[in-house]
Amino acid sequence: MHDSLITRTTNITVLIGLLFSGGLLIGLLGLQMLICSLGVDCPLAWRIVQGATWAGFFTLPISYTKYIRRNFKKINVHKYKLRLKYATIVFNLLMIVCIQLGIGLFFTTPDALCYAHDGQV
């Protein structure tokens, strides 16, 4: 039951991430613009966002595993099924953001995002 709940929740989250990936990317753009409003140059702001997502890419699975082991080791999973479901959804959404921006690094550069023909600046 525990594994099927996580599998079902993961499948739902991946579907949501694929359908609404534009919203996630708009959120990343907003984060980059917030960093730029603090006086940071545009390419450096993108590098900060990309560095944060790469750090999340490696630390989120470790922290999620520790959270699951700490909170759901010796308790009845059926009693806390909703809490486990929400934790899995949050983890999956954050990982989708990290994966999307991490893959984007292979197709563009921060300079191209800021100063290219169709860039922001």
Protein backbone atom coordinates (compact mmCIF):
# COMPACT_ATOMS: atom_id res chain seq x y z
CA MET A 1 0.00 0.00 0.00
CA HIS A 2 2.84 2.39 0.89
CA ASP A 3 4.64 1.89 -2.43
CA SER A 4 1.49 2.16 -4.53
CA LEU A 5 0.59 5.46 -2.83
CA ILE A 6 3.98 6.96 -3.66
CA THR A 7 3.85 5.59 -7.21
CA ARG A 8 0.35 6.98 -7.79
CA THR A 9 1.30 10.34 -6.30
CA THR A 10 4.46 10.48 -8.41
CA ASN A 11 2.52 9.73 -11.59
CA ILE A 12 0.00 12.49 -10.81
CA THR A 13 2.77 14.98 -10.06
CA VAL A 14 4.68 14.17 -13.24
CA LEU A 15 1.49 14.68 -15.26
CA ILE A 16 0.92 18.03 -13.56
CA GLY A 17 4.55 19.01 -14.14
CA LEU A 18 4.33 18.19 -17.83
CA LEU A 19 1.06 20.03 -18.31
CA PHE A 20 1.95 23.09 -16.27
CA SER A 21 5.67 23.33 -16.87
CA GLY A 22 5.20 26.83 -18.28
CA GLY A 23 4.00 28.00 -14.88
CA LEU A 24 7.06 26.55 -13.23
CA LEU A 25 9.31 28.31 -15.70
CA ILE A 26 7.45 31.59 -15.20
CA GLY A 27 8.14 31.17 -11.49
CA LEU A 28 11.84 30.73 -12.22
CA LEU A 29 11.76 33.84 -14.40
CA GLY A 30 10.13 35.72 -11.52
CA LEU A 31 12.87 34.52 -9.17
CA GLN A 32 15.52 35.68 -11.62
CA MET A 33 13.82 39.08 -11.94
CA LEU A 34 13.64 39.36 -8.14
CA ILE A 35 17.38 38.72 -7.91
CA CYS A 36 17.97 41.31 -10.66
CA SER A 37 15.91 43.85 -8.72
CA LEU A 38 18.44 43.49 -5.89
CA GLY A 39 21.09 44.90 -8.22
CA VAL A 40 22.58 41.67 -9.57
CA ASP A 41 23.45 41.53 -13.27
CA CYS A 42 21.08 39.38 -15.38
CA PRO A 43 23.53 36.59 -16.38
CA LEU A 44 24.76 36.31 -12.80
CA ALA A 45 21.16 36.10 -11.57
CA TRP A 46 20.52 33.19 -13.96
CA ARG A 47 23.70 31.49 -12.75
CA ILE A 48 22.47 31.87 -9.15
CA VAL A 49 19.09 30.35 -10.04
CA GLN A 50 20.75 27.54 -11.97
CA GLY A 51 23.20 26.87 -9.15
CA ALA A 52 20.36 26.72 -6.64
CA THR A 53 18.44 24.24 -8.78
CA TRP A 54 21.52 22.07 -9.28
CA ALA A 55 22.10 22.10 -5.53
CA GLY A 56 18.45 21.14 -5.05
CA PHE A 57 18.84 18.38 -7.63
CA PHE A 58 21.42 16.68 -5.41
CA THR A 59 20.14 17.58 -1.92
CA LEU A 60 16.38 17.09 -2.34
CA PRO A 61 16.47 13.28 -2.68
CA ILE A 62 18.70 12.99 0.39
CA SER A 63 16.52 15.29 2.50
CA TYR A 64 13.30 13.62 1.29
CA THR A 65 14.66 10.18 2.17
CA LYS A 66 15.70 11.39 5.62
CA TYR A 67 12.26 12.98 6.12
CA ILE A 68 10.47 9.75 5.16
CA ARG A 69 12.71 7.61 7.36
CA ARG A 70 12.38 9.96 10.32
CA ASN A 71 8.62 10.50 10.15
CA PHE A 72 7.23 7.27 8.74
CA LYS A 73 9.51 4.56 10.08
CA LYS A 74 7.61 3.21 13.07
CA ILE A 75 4.12 4.57 12.56
CA ASN A 76 1.04 3.35 10.81
CA VAL A 77 1.31 4.56 7.21
CA HIS A 78 -2.47 4.44 6.74
CA LYS A 79 -2.92 6.95 9.55
CA TYR A 80 -0.59 9.50 7.93
CA LYS A 81 -1.34 8.69 4.29
CA LEU A 82 -2.38 12.26 3.41
CA ARG A 83 0.76 13.73 4.99
CA LEU A 84 2.93 11.30 3.06
CA LYS A 85 1.07 12.13 -0.14
CA TYR A 86 1.65 15.89 0.28
CA ALA A 87 5.32 15.37 1.12
CA THR A 88 5.72 13.32 -2.05
CA ILE A 89 3.92 15.91 -4.19
CA VAL A 90 6.11 18.75 -2.87
CA PHE A 91 9.26 16.70 -3.42
CA ASN A 92 8.25 15.77 -6.97
CA LEU A 93 7.31 19.33 -7.94
CA LEU A 94 10.62 20.68 -6.66
CA MET A 95 12.50 17.95 -8.51
CA ILE A 96 10.63 18.74 -11.74
CA VAL A 97 11.77 22.36 -11.44
CA CYS A 98 15.36 21.29 -10.81
CA ILE A 99 15.35 18.82 -13.70
CA GLN A 100 13.80 21.27 -16.17
CA LEU A 101 16.28 24.02 -15.44
CA GLY A 102 19.16 21.55 -15.30
CA ILE A 103 18.30 20.23 -18.74
CA GLY A 104 17.91 23.81 -19.98
CA LEU A 105 21.59 24.40 -19.23
CA PHE A 106 22.47 22.13 -22.13
CA PHE A 107 20.42 24.17 -24.62
CA THR A 108 21.16 27.78 -23.65
CA THR A 109 23.46 29.99 -21.62
CA PRO A 110 22.69 32.78 -19.13
CA ASP A 111 24.13 35.32 -21.59
CA ALA A 112 21.80 34.10 -24.33
CA LEU A 113 18.82 34.28 -21.96
CA CYS A 114 19.59 37.89 -21.13
CA TYR A 115 21.12 39.44 -24.22
CA ALA A 116 20.10 37.33 -27.20
CA HIS A 117 17.67 38.55 -29.83
CA ASP A 118 14.66 37.15 -27.96
CA GLY A 119 16.14 37.59 -24.49
CA GLN A 120 14.71 39.77 -21.74
CA VAL A 121 17.07 42.74 -21.78
